[in-house]
Amino acid sequence: MTAIIIVGVVLFMFLIWAVVTFNRLVSVRQHLKESWSDVDVELKRRYDLIPNLVSTVKGYAAHERETLEKVVELRNHAQANQGRPDRQSGDEQALVSGLGRLMAVAEAYPDLKADANFMALQEELANTEDRIAAGRRFYNGNVREMNQLCTTVPSNIVANLFGFESEGFFEVDSTTREPVSTDF
């Protein structure tokens, strides 16, 4: 009789642990969705700012057509990619690089640098880039937690049993990223 009680208690404790672990995995998955949604909002904000920035630069730098068209093309490509965050990071990295080239073009035109519309757009873009970076750090922290739960013993047992998977990080290679400069 004592053995049955001990086995029952052990099974009950295992069941409690499994439920708690499952709930933690669900909670982390929700944090992942929420944090990606925050990053996605800022990416969309960037996509909306870029055409205005390009239009402003076009008025001053008409002969820089190729650079301007490339930035618009990169923006459209990044905006169209609605896949997993880790797959979007390559498109976003290319867009950031293109924006850096656009800012370099803008630096060559003193009248443009003094234009109030350009300065406001440039400041908004810089603020948006900061918010994207903060959101990316928060998202990647949630990815790290999910990946730890999915790969470490014993929580990986529950994760595998209920189909939870490791997620990919949203990364931008800082070695190739050109800074977006603001010169006021």
N, C-alpha and C. Protein backbone atom coordinates (compact mmCIF):
# COMPACT_ATOMS: atom_id res chain seq x y z
N MET A 1 0.81 -1.20 0.00
CA MET A 1 0.00 0.00 0.00
C MET A 1 0.86 1.27 0.00
N THR A 2 1.95 1.25 0.78
CA THR A 2 2.86 2.39 0.85
C THR A 2 3.51 2.62 -0.51
N ALA A 3 3.85 1.56 -1.19
CA ALA A 3 4.47 1.67 -2.52
C ALA A 3 3.52 2.34 -3.50
N ILE A 4 2.26 2.01 -3.43
CA ILE A 4 1.26 2.60 -4.33
C ILE A 4 1.12 4.10 -4.05
N ILE A 5 1.14 4.46 -2.78
CA ILE A 5 1.04 5.87 -2.42
C ILE A 5 2.27 6.62 -2.91
N ILE A 6 3.46 6.04 -2.75
CA ILE A 6 4.70 6.68 -3.20
C ILE A 6 4.68 6.85 -4.72
N VAL A 7 4.28 5.82 -5.44
CA VAL A 7 4.20 5.90 -6.90
C VAL A 7 3.17 6.96 -7.30
N GLY A 8 2.05 7.00 -6.61
CA GLY A 8 1.01 8.00 -6.90
C GLY A 8 1.52 9.41 -6.68
N VAL A 9 2.24 9.63 -5.57
CA VAL A 9 2.80 10.95 -5.29
C VAL A 9 3.83 11.34 -6.35
N VAL A 10 4.68 10.41 -6.73
CA VAL A 10 5.70 10.68 -7.76
C VAL A 10 5.02 11.03 -9.09
N LEU A 11 4.01 10.26 -9.47
CA LEU A 11 3.29 10.54 -10.71
C LEU A 11 2.58 11.89 -10.64
N PHE A 12 1.97 12.19 -9.49
CA PHE A 12 1.30 13.48 -9.32
C PHE A 12 2.30 14.63 -9.43
N MET A 13 3.47 14.48 -8.80
CA MET A 13 4.51 15.52 -8.88
C MET A 13 5.01 15.67 -10.32
N PHE A 14 5.18 14.56 -11.03
CA PHE A 14 5.59 14.63 -12.43
C PHE A 14 4.53 15.35 -13.25
N LEU A 15 3.28 15.06 -13.02
CA LEU A 15 2.19 15.72 -13.74
C LEU A 15 2.18 17.22 -13.46
N ILE A 16 2.34 17.60 -12.21
CA ILE A 16 2.42 19.03 -11.85
C ILE A 16 3.59 19.69 -12.56
N TRP A 17 4.76 19.04 -12.54
CA TRP A 17 5.93 19.59 -13.22
C TRP A 17 5.66 19.75 -14.72
N ALA A 18 5.05 18.75 -15.34
CA ALA A 18 4.76 18.80 -16.78
C ALA A 18 3.81 19.95 -17.10
N VAL A 19 2.79 20.15 -16.28
CA VAL A 19 1.84 21.24 -16.50
C VAL A 19 2.54 22.60 -16.34
N VAL A 20 3.33 22.74 -15.31
CA VAL A 20 4.06 24.01 -15.09
C VAL A 20 5.02 24.28 -16.25
N THR A 21 5.73 23.28 -16.70
CA THR A 21 6.67 23.44 -17.81
C THR A 21 5.91 23.79 -19.10
N PHE A 22 4.80 23.11 -19.35
CA PHE A 22 3.99 23.41 -20.53
C PHE A 22 3.51 24.86 -20.50
N ASN A 23 3.00 25.29 -19.35
CA ASN A 23 2.52 26.67 -19.22
C ASN A 23 3.65 27.68 -19.42
N ARG A 24 4.83 27.34 -18.96
CA ARG A 24 5.98 28.25 -19.17
C ARG A 24 6.33 28.33 -20.65
N LEU A 25 6.31 27.22 -21.34
CA LEU A 25 6.57 27.22 -22.79
C LEU A 25 5.52 28.05 -23.53
N VAL A 26 4.28 27.90 -23.16
CA VAL A 26 3.20 28.69 -23.80
C VAL A 26 3.42 30.17 -23.52
N SER A 27 3.78 30.50 -22.30
CA SER A 27 4.02 31.89 -21.93
C SER A 27 5.18 32.49 -22.73
N VAL A 28 6.25 31.76 -22.85
CA VAL A 28 7.41 32.25 -23.61
C VAL A 28 7.03 32.40 -25.09
N ARG A 29 6.26 31.46 -25.63
CA ARG A 29 5.83 31.57 -27.03
C ARG A 29 4.99 32.84 -27.23
N GLN A 30 4.14 33.17 -26.27
CA GLN A 30 3.34 34.39 -26.36
C GLN A 30 4.23 35.63 -26.28
N HIS A 31 5.25 35.60 -25.41
CA HIS A 31 6.19 36.72 -25.34
C HIS A 31 6.93 36.88 -26.66
N LEU A 32 7.26 35.75 -27.29
CA LEU A 32 7.92 35.81 -28.60
C LEU A 32 7.02 36.50 -29.62
N LYS A 33 5.78 36.10 -29.67
CA LYS A 33 4.84 36.70 -30.63
C LYS A 33 4.67 38.19 -30.36
N GLU A 34 4.53 38.54 -29.09
CA GLU A 34 4.35 39.94 -28.73
C GLU A 34 5.59 40.77 -29.08
N SER A 35 6.76 40.24 -28.74
CA SER A 35 7.98 41.00 -29.00
C SER A 35 8.24 41.12 -30.50
N TRP A 36 7.91 40.09 -31.29
CA TRP A 36 8.08 40.20 -32.73
C TRP A 36 7.09 41.22 -33.29
N SER A 37 5.89 41.25 -32.74
CA SER A 37 4.91 42.22 -33.19
C SER A 37 5.42 43.64 -32.97
N ASP A 38 6.08 43.89 -31.84
CA ASP A 38 6.65 45.21 -31.57
C ASP A 38 7.73 45.56 -32.59
N VAL A 39 8.58 44.61 -32.91
CA VAL A 39 9.63 44.84 -33.92
C VAL A 39 8.98 45.10 -35.27
N ASP A 40 7.97 44.31 -35.61
CA ASP A 40 7.29 44.43 -36.90
C ASP A 40 6.65 45.81 -37.06
N VAL A 41 6.08 46.35 -36.00
CA VAL A 41 5.49 47.70 -36.05
C VAL A 41 6.56 48.72 -36.41
N GLU A 42 7.73 48.61 -35.80
CA GLU A 42 8.80 49.56 -36.08
C GLU A 42 9.36 49.37 -37.50
N LEU A 43 9.42 48.12 -37.95
CA LEU A 43 9.87 47.89 -39.33
C LEU A 43 8.90 48.55 -40.31
N LYS A 44 7.62 48.42 -40.07
CA LYS A 44 6.61 49.05 -40.94
C LYS A 44 6.74 50.56 -40.89
N ARG A 45 7.03 51.08 -39.72
CA ARG A 45 7.25 52.53 -39.59
C ARG A 45 8.44 52.96 -40.45
N ARG A 46 9.49 52.16 -40.43
CA ARG A 46 10.65 52.46 -41.27
C ARG A 46 10.26 52.41 -42.74
N TYR A 47 9.49 51.38 -43.11
CA TYR A 47 9.06 51.27 -44.52
C TYR A 47 8.26 52.49 -44.95
N ASP A 48 7.46 53.04 -44.05
CA ASP A 48 6.67 54.23 -44.39
C ASP A 48 7.52 55.48 -44.49
N LEU A 49 8.59 55.57 -43.70
CA LEU A 49 9.46 56.74 -43.73
C LEU A 49 10.34 56.79 -44.97
N ILE A 50 10.73 55.65 -45.47
CA ILE A 50 11.71 55.60 -46.56
C ILE A 50 11.22 56.30 -47.82
N PRO A 51 10.00 56.08 -48.32
CA PRO A 51 9.58 56.79 -49.53
C PRO A 51 9.62 58.31 -49.36
N ASN A 52 9.26 58.81 -48.16
CA ASN A 52 9.32 60.25 -47.92
C ASN A 52 10.76 60.75 -47.95
N LEU A 53 11.66 59.98 -47.36
CA LEU A 53 13.07 60.35 -47.36
C LEU A 53 13.63 60.34 -48.77
N VAL A 54 13.30 59.30 -49.53
CA VAL A 54 13.78 59.20 -50.92
C VAL A 54 13.23 60.36 -51.75
N SER A 55 11.97 60.70 -51.58
CA SER A 55 11.38 61.81 -52.34
C SER A 55 12.07 63.12 -52.02
N THR A 56 12.39 63.33 -50.76
CA THR A 56 13.08 64.56 -50.37
C THR A 56 14.47 64.62 -50.98
N VAL A 57 15.19 63.51 -50.95
CA VAL A 57 16.53 63.48 -51.53
C VAL A 57 16.47 63.63 -53.05
N LYS A 58 15.46 63.05 -53.69
CA LYS A 58 15.32 63.14 -55.15
C LYS A 58 15.32 64.57 -55.65
N GLY A 59 14.66 65.44 -54.91
CA GLY A 59 14.60 66.83 -55.33
C GLY A 59 15.96 67.50 -55.40
N TYR A 60 16.88 67.05 -54.59
CA TYR A 60 18.22 67.64 -54.55
C TYR A 60 19.24 66.86 -55.37
N ALA A 61 19.06 65.57 -55.44
CA ALA A 61 20.09 64.71 -56.02
C ALA A 61 19.51 63.87 -57.16
N ALA A 62 18.99 64.53 -58.14
CA ALA A 62 18.32 63.83 -59.24
C ALA A 62 19.25 62.87 -59.96
N HIS A 63 20.53 63.18 -60.04
CA HIS A 63 21.45 62.31 -60.78
C HIS A 63 21.87 61.08 -59.97
N GLU A 64 21.44 60.95 -58.74
CA GLU A 64 21.74 59.79 -57.91
C GLU A 64 20.60 58.77 -58.00
N ARG A 65 20.00 58.70 -59.17
CA ARG A 65 18.81 57.89 -59.40
C ARG A 65 19.02 56.41 -59.04
N GLU A 66 20.16 55.87 -59.39
CA GLU A 66 20.43 54.45 -59.14
C GLU A 66 20.41 54.13 -57.64
N THR A 67 21.05 54.97 -56.84
CA THR A 67 21.06 54.76 -55.39
C THR A 67 19.65 54.85 -54.83
N LEU A 68 18.89 55.85 -55.28
CA LEU A 68 17.52 56.03 -54.80
C LEU A 68 16.64 54.85 -55.17
N GLU A 69 16.75 54.39 -56.41
CA GLU A 69 15.94 53.25 -56.85
C GLU A 69 16.32 51.98 -56.09
N LYS A 70 17.60 51.81 -55.79
CA LYS A 70 18.05 50.63 -55.06
C LYS A 70 17.46 50.61 -53.64
N VAL A 71 17.43 51.77 -52.99
CA VAL A 71 16.86 51.85 -51.65
C VAL A 71 15.37 51.51 -51.68
N VAL A 72 14.66 52.03 -52.67
CA VAL A 72 13.24 51.72 -52.79
C VAL A 72 13.04 50.23 -53.06
N GLU A 73 13.88 49.66 -53.91
CA GLU A 73 13.81 48.23 -54.20
C GLU A 73 14.07 47.40 -52.94
N LEU A 74 15.09 47.77 -52.17
CA LEU A 74 15.40 47.06 -50.93
C LEU A 74 14.27 47.18 -49.92
N ARG A 75 13.67 48.36 -49.85
CA ARG A 75 12.54 48.58 -48.95
C ARG A 75 11.37 47.69 -49.34
N ASN A 76 11.05 47.65 -50.63
CA ASN A 76 9.93 46.83 -51.10
C ASN A 76 10.18 45.35 -50.84
N HIS A 77 11.41 44.92 -51.05
CA HIS A 77 11.75 43.51 -50.83
C HIS A 77 11.64 43.16 -49.35
N ALA A 78 12.17 44.03 -48.48
CA ALA A 78 12.10 43.78 -47.03
C ALA A 78 10.65 43.81 -46.55
N GLN A 79 9.87 44.73 -47.08
CA GLN A 79 8.48 44.84 -46.66
C GLN A 79 7.67 43.63 -47.10
N ALA A 80 7.99 43.05 -48.24
CA ALA A 80 7.25 41.90 -48.75
C ALA A 80 7.59 40.61 -48.01
N ASN A 81 8.75 40.56 -47.36
CA ASN A 81 9.17 39.35 -46.65
C ASN A 81 8.45 39.28 -45.31
N GLN A 82 7.45 38.42 -45.23
CA GLN A 82 6.69 38.26 -44.00
C GLN A 82 6.95 36.89 -43.37
N GLY A 83 8.10 36.32 -43.67
CA GLY A 83 8.43 34.99 -43.14
C GLY A 83 8.91 35.05 -41.71
N ARG A 84 9.62 34.02 -41.33
CA ARG A 84 10.15 33.94 -39.97
C ARG A 84 11.15 35.09 -39.75
N PRO A 85 11.20 35.60 -38.53
CA PRO A 85 12.11 36.72 -38.23
C PRO A 85 13.56 36.44 -38.60
N ASP A 86 14.05 35.21 -38.35
CA ASP A 86 15.44 34.94 -38.67
C ASP A 86 15.68 34.98 -40.17
N ARG A 87 14.66 34.75 -40.99
CA ARG A 87 14.81 34.84 -42.45
C ARG A 87 14.67 36.26 -42.95
N GLN A 88 13.99 37.10 -42.19
CA GLN A 88 13.82 38.50 -42.57
C GLN A 88 15.07 39.32 -42.30
N SER A 89 15.91 38.86 -41.40
CA SER A 89 17.05 39.68 -40.99
C SER A 89 18.00 39.99 -42.14
N GLY A 90 18.14 39.10 -43.11
CA GLY A 90 19.00 39.37 -44.27
C GLY A 90 18.49 40.53 -45.10
N ASP A 91 17.17 40.55 -45.33
CA ASP A 91 16.57 41.65 -46.09
C ASP A 91 16.70 42.96 -45.33
N GLU A 92 16.50 42.90 -44.02
CA GLU A 92 16.60 44.11 -43.20
C GLU A 92 18.04 44.63 -43.18
N GLN A 93 19.00 43.73 -43.16
CA GLN A 93 20.40 44.14 -43.17
C GLN A 93 20.73 44.85 -44.48
N ALA A 94 20.25 44.32 -45.59
CA ALA A 94 20.48 44.96 -46.89
C ALA A 94 19.84 46.34 -46.93
N LEU A 95 18.64 46.46 -46.36
CA LEU A 95 17.95 47.75 -46.34
C LEU A 95 18.72 48.77 -45.50
N VAL A 96 19.21 48.36 -44.35
CA VAL A 96 19.98 49.27 -43.50
C VAL A 96 21.24 49.73 -44.24
N SER A 97 21.87 48.83 -44.95
CA SER A 97 23.06 49.18 -45.73
C SER A 97 22.71 50.18 -46.82
N GLY A 98 21.58 49.95 -47.50
CA GLY A 98 21.13 50.88 -48.54
C GLY A 98 20.80 52.25 -47.97
N LEU A 99 20.20 52.28 -46.80
CA LEU A 99 19.91 53.56 -46.15
C LEU A 99 21.20 54.31 -45.81
N GLY A 100 22.20 53.56 -45.41
CA GLY A 100 23.50 54.20 -45.14
C GLY A 100 24.07 54.86 -46.39
N ARG A 101 23.92 54.18 -47.54
CA ARG A 101 24.39 54.77 -48.80
C ARG A 101 23.55 56.01 -49.16
N LEU A 102 22.25 55.96 -48.89
CA LEU A 102 21.38 57.11 -49.15
C LEU A 102 21.80 58.29 -48.30
N MET A 103 22.11 58.04 -47.04
CA MET A 103 22.56 59.12 -46.16
C MET A 103 23.90 59.69 -46.62
N ALA A 104 24.75 58.83 -47.16
CA ALA A 104 26.03 59.31 -47.69
C ALA A 104 25.81 60.23 -48.88
N VAL A 105 24.85 59.88 -49.72
CA VAL A 105 24.50 60.75 -50.85
C VAL A 105 23.98 62.08 -50.32
N ALA A 106 23.13 62.03 -49.32
CA ALA A 106 22.54 63.25 -48.77
C ALA A 106 23.60 64.17 -48.17
N GLU A 107 24.64 63.58 -47.60
CA GLU A 107 25.71 64.37 -47.00
C GLU A 107 26.43 65.24 -48.04
N ALA A 108 26.38 64.84 -49.29
CA ALA A 108 27.07 65.58 -50.35
C ALA A 108 26.32 66.85 -50.77
N TYR A 109 25.12 67.07 -50.25
CA TYR A 109 24.30 68.21 -50.65
C TYR A 109 24.01 69.10 -49.45
N PRO A 110 24.78 70.17 -49.29
CA PRO A 110 24.60 71.05 -48.11
C PRO A 110 23.18 71.62 -48.00
N ASP A 111 22.57 71.97 -49.14
CA ASP A 111 21.21 72.51 -49.08
C ASP A 111 20.24 71.47 -48.56
N LEU A 112 20.45 70.22 -48.95
CA LEU A 112 19.58 69.14 -48.49
C LEU A 112 19.74 68.93 -46.99
N LYS A 113 20.98 68.95 -46.53
CA LYS A 113 21.23 68.74 -45.10
C LYS A 113 20.56 69.83 -44.26
N ALA A 114 20.36 71.01 -44.83
CA ALA A 114 19.74 72.11 -44.10
C ALA A 114 18.22 72.12 -44.25
N ASP A 115 17.68 71.30 -45.13
CA ASP A 115 16.24 71.27 -45.38
C ASP A 115 15.51 70.70 -44.15
N ALA A 116 14.51 71.43 -43.69
CA ALA A 116 13.79 71.03 -42.48
C ALA A 116 13.09 69.68 -42.64
N ASN A 117 12.50 69.44 -43.81
CA ASN A 117 11.83 68.16 -44.04
C ASN A 117 12.82 67.00 -43.96
N PHE A 118 13.97 67.17 -44.59
CA PHE A 118 14.97 66.12 -44.57
C PHE A 118 15.46 65.87 -43.15
N MET A 119 15.72 66.95 -42.42
CA MET A 119 16.21 66.79 -41.05
C MET A 119 15.18 66.07 -40.18
N ALA A 120 13.90 66.42 -40.35
CA ALA A 120 12.85 65.76 -39.55
C ALA A 120 12.75 64.29 -39.91
N LEU A 121 12.80 63.98 -41.21
CA LEU A 121 12.75 62.58 -41.64
C LEU A 121 13.96 61.80 -41.14
N GLN A 122 15.12 62.42 -41.22
CA GLN A 122 16.34 61.77 -40.77
C GLN A 122 16.27 61.48 -39.27
N GLU A 123 15.74 62.42 -38.51
CA GLU A 123 15.61 62.22 -37.06
C GLU A 123 14.60 61.11 -36.76
N GLU A 124 13.48 61.10 -37.47
CA GLU A 124 12.49 60.04 -37.28
C GLU A 124 13.07 58.67 -37.62
N LEU A 125 13.84 58.63 -38.69
CA LEU A 125 14.47 57.37 -39.09
C LEU A 125 15.46 56.90 -38.03
N ALA A 126 16.25 57.81 -37.50
CA ALA A 126 17.21 57.45 -36.45
C ALA A 126 16.48 56.95 -35.21
N ASN A 127 15.39 57.61 -34.83
CA ASN A 127 14.60 57.15 -33.67
C ASN A 127 13.99 55.78 -33.93
N THR A 128 13.52 55.58 -35.15
CA THR A 128 12.94 54.28 -35.50
C THR A 128 14.00 53.18 -35.46
N GLU A 129 15.19 53.48 -35.95
CA GLU A 129 16.28 52.50 -35.91
C GLU A 129 16.61 52.13 -34.46
N ASP A 130 16.58 53.12 -33.56
CA ASP A 130 16.84 52.83 -32.15
C ASP A 130 15.75 51.93 -31.57
N ARG A 131 14.49 52.19 -31.93
CA ARG A 131 13.40 51.36 -31.43
C ARG A 131 13.46 49.95 -32.01
N ILE A 132 13.88 49.84 -33.26
CA ILE A 132 14.03 48.51 -33.86
C ILE A 132 15.13 47.74 -33.12
N ALA A 133 16.22 48.40 -32.83
CA ALA A 133 17.33 47.74 -32.12
C ALA A 133 16.88 47.29 -30.72
N ALA A 134 16.13 48.14 -30.02
CA ALA A 134 15.65 47.76 -28.69
C ALA A 134 14.67 46.59 -28.79
N GLY A 135 13.77 46.65 -29.75
CA GLY A 135 12.81 45.57 -29.95
C GLY A 135 13.50 44.27 -30.33
N ARG A 136 14.54 44.38 -31.15
CA ARG A 136 15.29 43.19 -31.57
C ARG A 136 15.97 42.54 -30.37
N ARG A 137 16.53 43.36 -29.49
CA ARG A 137 17.17 42.80 -28.28
C ARG A 137 16.13 42.07 -27.41
N PHE A 138 14.96 42.67 -27.24
CA PHE A 138 13.91 42.04 -26.44
C PHE A 138 13.43 40.74 -27.09
N TYR A 139 13.22 40.78 -28.40
CA TYR A 139 12.80 39.58 -29.13
C TYR A 139 13.85 38.48 -29.00
N ASN A 140 15.10 38.83 -29.23
CA ASN A 140 16.18 37.84 -29.16
C ASN A 140 16.33 37.26 -27.75
N GLY A 141 16.05 38.06 -26.71
CA GLY A 141 16.06 37.53 -25.35
C GLY A 141 14.98 36.47 -25.16
N ASN A 142 13.81 36.72 -25.74
CA ASN A 142 12.73 35.73 -25.68
C ASN A 142 13.08 34.48 -26.49
N VAL A 143 13.74 34.67 -27.63
CA VAL A 143 14.18 33.52 -28.43
C VAL A 143 15.18 32.69 -27.64
N ARG A 144 16.10 33.37 -26.98
CA ARG A 144 17.09 32.65 -26.17
C ARG A 144 16.40 31.81 -25.10
N GLU A 145 15.41 32.39 -24.42
CA GLU A 145 14.70 31.64 -23.38
C GLU A 145 13.95 30.44 -23.96
N MET A 146 13.27 30.64 -25.10
CA MET A 146 12.55 29.53 -25.74
C MET A 146 13.52 28.44 -26.16
N ASN A 147 14.64 28.84 -26.76
CA ASN A 147 15.61 27.85 -27.21
C ASN A 147 16.21 27.06 -26.04
N GLN A 148 16.43 27.74 -24.91
CA GLN A 148 16.93 27.04 -23.73
C GLN A 148 15.91 26.03 -23.23
N LEU A 149 14.65 26.43 -23.19
CA LEU A 149 13.60 25.51 -22.74
C LEU A 149 13.46 24.32 -23.68
N CYS A 150 13.62 24.56 -24.98
CA CYS A 150 13.45 23.49 -25.97
C CYS A 150 14.65 22.55 -26.07
N THR A 151 15.78 22.97 -25.53
CA THR A 151 16.98 22.14 -25.71
C THR A 151 17.58 21.62 -24.41
N THR A 152 17.12 22.12 -23.27
CA THR A 152 17.70 21.64 -22.01
C THR A 152 16.79 20.61 -21.35
N VAL A 153 17.45 19.68 -20.67
CA VAL A 153 16.74 18.63 -19.94
C VAL A 153 16.31 19.22 -18.60
N PRO A 154 15.15 19.00 -18.15
CA PRO A 154 14.09 18.11 -18.59
C PRO A 154 12.99 18.80 -19.39
N SER A 155 13.05 20.15 -19.52
CA SER A 155 11.95 20.85 -20.21
C SER A 155 11.85 20.47 -21.68
N ASN A 156 12.94 19.99 -22.27
CA ASN A 156 12.88 19.59 -23.68
C ASN A 156 11.94 18.41 -23.89
N ILE A 157 11.71 17.62 -22.86
CA ILE A 157 10.79 16.49 -22.97
C ILE A 157 9.38 17.01 -23.24
N VAL A 158 8.95 17.98 -22.45
CA VAL A 158 7.62 18.56 -22.64
C VAL A 158 7.56 19.32 -23.97
N ALA A 159 8.63 20.06 -24.29
CA ALA A 159 8.66 20.82 -25.55
C ALA A 159 8.51 19.88 -26.74
N ASN A 160 9.25 18.80 -26.75
CA ASN A 160 9.15 17.83 -27.86
C ASN A 160 7.79 17.15 -27.90
N LEU A 161 7.26 16.83 -26.73
CA LEU A 161 5.98 16.15 -26.64
C LEU A 161 4.84 16.99 -27.21
N PHE A 162 4.91 18.31 -27.00
CA PHE A 162 3.83 19.20 -27.45
C PHE A 162 4.20 20.05 -28.66
N GLY A 163 5.29 19.74 -29.33
CA GLY A 163 5.64 20.38 -30.60
C GLY A 163 6.21 21.78 -30.52
N PHE A 164 6.77 22.16 -29.39
CA PHE A 164 7.45 23.46 -29.30
C PHE A 164 8.80 23.33 -29.98
N GLU A 165 9.19 24.38 -30.72
CA GLU A 165 10.45 24.34 -31.46
C GLU A 165 11.32 25.53 -31.11
N SER A 166 12.62 25.34 -31.32
CA SER A 166 13.55 26.45 -31.17
C SER A 166 13.26 27.47 -32.25
N GLU A 167 13.51 28.72 -31.95
CA GLU A 167 13.27 29.82 -32.88
C GLU A 167 14.61 30.39 -33.35
N GLY A 168 14.56 31.13 -34.45
CA GLY A 168 15.76 31.78 -34.97
C GLY A 168 15.85 33.22 -34.49
N PHE A 169 17.05 33.68 -34.27
CA PHE A 169 17.28 35.05 -33.82
C PHE A 169 17.07 36.02 -34.99
N PHE A 170 16.69 37.24 -34.66
CA PHE A 170 16.60 38.32 -35.65
C PHE A 170 17.88 39.13 -35.51
N GLU A 171 18.79 38.90 -36.45
CA GLU A 171 20.12 39.48 -36.32
C GLU A 171 20.44 40.40 -37.48
N VAL A 172 21.21 41.42 -37.18
CA VAL A 172 21.79 42.29 -38.19
C VAL A 172 23.29 42.26 -37.93
N ASP A 173 24.04 41.91 -38.95
CA ASP A 173 25.49 41.79 -38.81
C ASP A 173 26.08 43.18 -38.62
N SER A 174 26.54 43.44 -37.41
CA SER A 174 27.05 44.78 -37.10
C SER A 174 28.36 45.09 -37.80
N THR A 175 29.06 44.10 -38.31
CA THR A 175 30.33 44.38 -38.97
C THR A 175 30.12 44.99 -40.35
N THR A 176 28.99 44.69 -40.98
CA THR A 176 28.75 45.26 -42.31
C THR A 176 27.74 46.38 -42.27
N ARG A 177 27.19 46.66 -41.13
CA ARG A 177 26.16 47.69 -41.02
C ARG A 177 26.81 49.06 -41.07
N GLU A 178 26.33 49.87 -41.98
CA GLU A 178 26.81 51.24 -42.06
C GLU A 178 25.94 52.09 -41.16
N PRO A 179 26.53 52.93 -40.32
CA PRO A 179 25.70 53.74 -39.43
C PRO A 179 24.89 54.76 -40.20
N VAL A 180 23.68 55.00 -39.75
CA VAL A 180 22.86 56.04 -40.32
C VAL A 180 23.23 57.30 -39.56
N SER A 181 23.86 58.24 -40.27
CA SER A 181 24.37 59.43 -39.58
C SER A 181 23.34 60.52 -39.57
N THR A 182 23.34 61.27 -38.50
CA THR A 182 22.51 62.47 -38.41
C THR A 182 23.45 63.60 -38.09
N ASP A 183 23.51 64.57 -38.97
CA ASP A 183 24.41 65.70 -38.83
C ASP A 183 23.56 66.96 -38.75
N PHE A 184 23.41 67.47 -37.54
CA PHE A 184 22.55 68.65 -37.37
C PHE A 184 23.38 69.89 -37.21
